[in-house]
Amino acid sequence: MKKWIFIVFCFILGFIIHIFYIGYTNELLFNKFIKNSNPDYTITDIYFKKGFLTSKGSFTLNHSHTQLSTKINLKFNNYFFLNKIIKGNFTNPFDFLDEVLKNNKLGTFTLKLHDNNSKIFLNIKD
């Protein structure tokens, strides 16, 4: 009986440790996202909150020449089977679309990372 309790305890402890580790790697990935080397764009309003099963991050991307800016919201999964899937949305940078778009969201995207490859699924509101 004690062996089974110990096995269950180790399994639960391992699950909790791996969630915190994936959350840490997601924070490192977010920091890579906001690292900017392009002089035409600036990133402001950086926010990241590490949660237990999900982490959330957001930032505002500003174009210096056209004065356009869009807010990008990201949701990271902190568990192993979905840890390489990032979902997000981005706001409308154009004033003339404010009447048409609901909640000022221009589109959503899903980013799937696998080894050194990445796939982006983009959905633009129409």
C-alpha atoms as a PDB file:
ATOM      1  CA  MET A   1       0.000   0.000   0.000  1.00  0.00           C
ATOM      2  CA  LYS A   2       2.814   2.404   0.872  1.00  0.00           C
ATOM      3  CA  LYS A   3       4.489   1.719  -2.479  1.00  0.00           C
ATOM      4  CA  TRP A   4       1.341   2.759  -4.348  1.00  0.00           C
ATOM      5  CA  ILE A   5       1.002   5.952  -2.342  1.00  0.00           C
ATOM      6  CA  PHE A   6       4.663   6.736  -3.025  1.00  0.00           C
ATOM      7  CA  ILE A   7       4.226   6.048  -6.766  1.00  0.00           C
ATOM      8  CA  VAL A   8       1.156   8.302  -6.965  1.00  0.00           C
ATOM      9  CA  PHE A   9       2.957  11.012  -4.988  1.00  0.00           C
ATOM     10  CA  CYS A  10       5.988  10.856  -7.330  1.00  0.00           C
ATOM     11  CA  PHE A  11       3.721  10.996 -10.375  1.00  0.00           C
ATOM     12  CA  ILE A  12       1.878  14.082  -9.077  1.00  0.00           C
ATOM     13  CA  LEU A  13       5.150  15.751  -8.070  1.00  0.00           C
ATOM     14  CA  GLY A  14       6.648  15.053 -11.512  1.00  0.00           C
ATOM     15  CA  PHE A  15       3.559  16.500 -13.198  1.00  0.00           C
ATOM     16  CA  ILE A  16       3.759  19.706 -11.152  1.00  0.00           C
ATOM     17  CA  ILE A  17       7.513  20.080 -11.746  1.00  0.00           C
ATOM     18  CA  HIS A  18       7.138  19.666 -15.504  1.00  0.00           C
ATOM     19  CA  ILE A  19       4.388  22.312 -15.598  1.00  0.00           C
ATOM     20  CA  PHE A  20       6.686  24.823 -13.894  1.00  0.00           C
ATOM     21  CA  TYR A  21       9.540  23.915 -16.259  1.00  0.00           C
ATOM     22  CA  ILE A  22       7.375  24.379 -19.369  1.00  0.00           C
ATOM     23  CA  GLY A  23       6.172  27.717 -17.939  1.00  0.00           C
ATOM     24  CA  TYR A  24       9.795  28.781 -17.544  1.00  0.00           C
ATOM     25  CA  THR A  25      10.626  27.819 -21.155  1.00  0.00           C
ATOM     26  CA  ASN A  26       7.529  29.686 -22.369  1.00  0.00           C
ATOM     27  CA  GLU A  27       8.773  32.800 -20.582  1.00  0.00           C
ATOM     28  CA  LEU A  28      12.137  32.445 -22.340  1.00  0.00           C
ATOM     29  CA  LEU A  29      10.318  32.055 -25.669  1.00  0.00           C
ATOM     30  CA  PHE A  30       8.272  35.202 -24.995  1.00  0.00           C
ATOM     31  CA  ASN A  31      11.475  37.117 -24.249  1.00  0.00           C
ATOM     32  CA  LYS A  32      12.836  35.977 -27.630  1.00  0.00           C
ATOM     33  CA  PHE A  33       9.639  37.246 -29.290  1.00  0.00           C
ATOM     34  CA  ILE A  34      10.012  40.727 -27.857  1.00  0.00           C
ATOM     35  CA  LYS A  35      13.724  41.011 -28.585  1.00  0.00           C
ATOM     36  CA  ASN A  36      13.730  43.441 -31.495  1.00  0.00           C
ATOM     37  CA  SER A  37      16.592  44.124 -33.873  1.00  0.00           C
ATOM     38  CA  ASN A  38      14.580  45.905 -36.573  1.00  0.00           C
ATOM     39  CA  PRO A  39      14.995  49.716 -36.392  1.00  0.00           C
ATOM     40  CA  ASP A  40      11.634  50.314 -38.136  1.00  0.00           C
ATOM     41  CA  TYR A  41       9.637  48.722 -35.300  1.00  0.00           C
ATOM     42  CA  THR A  42       9.508  49.318 -31.581  1.00  0.00           C
ATOM     43  CA  ILE A  43       7.907  47.094 -28.980  1.00  0.00           C
ATOM     44  CA  THR A  44       6.185  48.713 -26.006  1.00  0.00           C
ATOM     45  CA  ASP A  45       3.696  47.792 -23.249  1.00  0.00           C
ATOM     46  CA  ILE A  46       5.330  44.423 -22.583  1.00  0.00           C
ATOM     47  CA  TYR A  47       3.358  42.191 -20.211  1.00  0.00           C
ATOM     48  CA  PHE A  48       3.874  38.533 -19.244  1.00  0.00           C
ATOM     49  CA  LYS A  49       2.081  36.613 -16.517  1.00  0.00           C
ATOM     50  CA  LYS A  50       3.140  33.066 -15.773  1.00  0.00           C
ATOM     51  CA  GLY A  51       0.237  30.932 -14.598  1.00  0.00           C
ATOM     52  CA  PHE A  52      -0.070  27.293 -13.583  1.00  0.00           C
ATOM     53  CA  LEU A  53      -1.527  25.657 -16.721  1.00  0.00           C
ATOM     54  CA  THR A  54      -1.395  28.676 -19.042  1.00  0.00           C
ATOM     55  CA  SER A  55       0.710  31.810 -19.309  1.00  0.00           C
ATOM     56  CA  LYS A  56      -0.339  35.046 -20.965  1.00  0.00           C
ATOM     57  CA  GLY A  57       1.708  37.710 -22.636  1.00  0.00           C
ATOM     58  CA  SER A  58       1.078  40.811 -24.674  1.00  0.00           C
ATOM     59  CA  PHE A  59       2.956  43.639 -26.309  1.00  0.00           C
ATOM     60  CA  THR A  60       2.340  46.539 -28.665  1.00  0.00           C
ATOM     61  CA  LEU A  61       4.167  46.615 -31.983  1.00  0.00           C
ATOM     62  CA  ASN A  62       4.701  50.149 -33.352  1.00  0.00           C
ATOM     63  CA  HIS A  63       5.893  51.037 -36.846  1.00  0.00           C
ATOM     64  CA  SER A  64       7.979  54.199 -36.657  1.00  0.00           C
ATOM     65  CA  HIS A  65       7.424  55.555 -40.187  1.00  0.00           C
ATOM     66  CA  THR A  66       3.671  55.053 -40.647  1.00  0.00           C
ATOM     67  CA  GLN A  67       2.577  55.561 -37.030  1.00  0.00           C
ATOM     68  CA  LEU A  68       0.663  52.246 -37.090  1.00  0.00           C
ATOM     69  CA  SER A  69       0.502  50.117 -33.978  1.00  0.00           C
ATOM     70  CA  THR A  70      -1.107  46.807 -33.135  1.00  0.00           C
ATOM     71  CA  LYS A  71      -1.469  45.031 -29.816  1.00  0.00           C
ATOM     72  CA  ILE A  72      -0.589  41.334 -29.853  1.00  0.00           C
ATOM     73  CA  ASN A  73      -1.982  39.027 -27.145  1.00  0.00           C
ATOM     74  CA  LEU A  74      -0.477  35.557 -26.651  1.00  0.00           C
ATOM     75  CA  LYS A  75      -1.586  32.495 -24.679  1.00  0.00           C
ATOM     76  CA  PHE A  76       0.974  29.787 -23.902  1.00  0.00           C
ATOM     77  CA  ASN A  77       0.115  26.281 -22.660  1.00  0.00           C
ATOM     78  CA  ASN A  78       2.274  25.096 -19.763  1.00  0.00           C
ATOM     79  CA  TYR A  79       1.758  21.351 -20.029  1.00  0.00           C
ATOM     80  CA  PHE A  80       3.768  18.887 -22.060  1.00  0.00           C
ATOM     81  CA  PHE A  81       1.331  17.692 -24.714  1.00  0.00           C
ATOM     82  CA  LEU A  82       0.327  21.235 -25.773  1.00  0.00           C
ATOM     83  CA  ASN A  83       3.426  23.182 -24.774  1.00  0.00           C
ATOM     84  CA  LYS A  84       4.436  24.066 -28.326  1.00  0.00           C
ATOM     85  CA  ILE A  85       1.118  25.608 -29.296  1.00  0.00           C
ATOM     86  CA  ILE A  86       0.733  29.364 -28.889  1.00  0.00           C
ATOM     87  CA  LYS A  87      -2.586  31.058 -29.564  1.00  0.00           C
ATOM     88  CA  GLY A  88      -3.044  34.763 -29.964  1.00  0.00           C
ATOM     89  CA  ASN A  89      -4.827  37.676 -31.537  1.00  0.00           C
ATOM     90  CA  PHE A  90      -3.880  41.094 -32.810  1.00  0.00           C
ATOM     91  CA  THR A  91      -5.746  44.380 -32.858  1.00  0.00           C
ATOM     92  CA  ASN A  92      -6.638  46.649 -35.712  1.00  0.00           C
ATOM     93  CA  PRO A  93      -3.971  49.237 -36.660  1.00  0.00           C
ATOM     94  CA  PHE A  94      -6.315  51.089 -39.058  1.00  0.00           C
ATOM     95  CA  ASP A  95      -8.840  53.674 -37.841  1.00  0.00           C
ATOM     96  CA  PHE A  96     -11.293  53.175 -40.698  1.00  0.00           C
ATOM     97  CA  LEU A  97     -11.960  49.540 -39.691  1.00  0.00           C
ATOM     98  CA  ASP A  98     -13.038  50.352 -36.130  1.00  0.00           C
ATOM     99  CA  GLU A  99     -16.747  50.391 -37.022  1.00  0.00           C
ATOM    100  CA  VAL A 100     -16.643  47.006 -38.754  1.00  0.00           C
ATOM    101  CA  LEU A 101     -14.522  44.913 -36.402  1.00  0.00           C
ATOM    102  CA  LYS A 102     -15.911  43.523 -33.197  1.00  0.00           C
ATOM    103  CA  ASN A 103     -13.714  44.176 -30.125  1.00  0.00           C
ATOM    104  CA  ASN A 104     -11.173  45.899 -32.402  1.00  0.00           C
ATOM    105  CA  LYS A 105      -9.600  42.481 -33.216  1.00  0.00           C
ATOM    106  CA  LEU A 106      -8.239  42.163 -36.730  1.00  0.00           C
ATOM    107  CA  GLY A 107      -7.432  38.462 -36.537  1.00  0.00           C
ATOM    108  CA  THR A 108      -6.304  35.426 -34.610  1.00  0.00           C
ATOM    109  CA  PHE A 109      -3.409  33.053 -35.084  1.00  0.00           C
ATOM    110  CA  THR A 110      -2.067  29.744 -33.861  1.00  0.00           C
ATOM    111  CA  LEU A 111       1.651  29.050 -33.802  1.00  0.00           C
ATOM    112  CA  LYS A 112       2.830  25.423 -33.669  1.00  0.00           C
ATOM    113  CA  LEU A 113       6.500  24.799 -32.990  1.00  0.00           C
ATOM    114  CA  HIS A 114       8.119  21.449 -33.755  1.00  0.00           C
ATOM    115  CA  ASP A 115      11.891  21.002 -33.487  1.00  0.00           C
ATOM    116  CA  ASN A 116      13.297  23.752 -35.737  1.00  0.00           C
ATOM    117  CA  ASN A 117      10.117  24.185 -37.783  1.00  0.00           C
ATOM    118  CA  SER A 118       7.138  26.379 -37.073  1.00  0.00           C
ATOM    119  CA  LYS A 119       3.684  26.619 -38.608  1.00  0.00           C
ATOM    120  CA  ILE A 120       1.469  29.678 -38.367  1.00  0.00           C
ATOM    121  CA  PHE A 121      -2.268  29.410 -38.917  1.00  0.00           C
ATOM    122  CA  LEU A 122      -3.696  32.889 -39.480  1.00  0.00           C
ATOM    123  CA  ASN A 123      -7.372  33.871 -39.458  1.00  0.00           C
ATOM    124  CA  ILE A 124      -8.178  37.424 -40.596  1.00  0.00           C
ATOM    125  CA  LYS A 125     -11.631  38.810 -39.760  1.00  0.00           C
ATOM    126  CA  ASP A 126     -13.699  39.865 -42.746  1.00  0.00           C
END
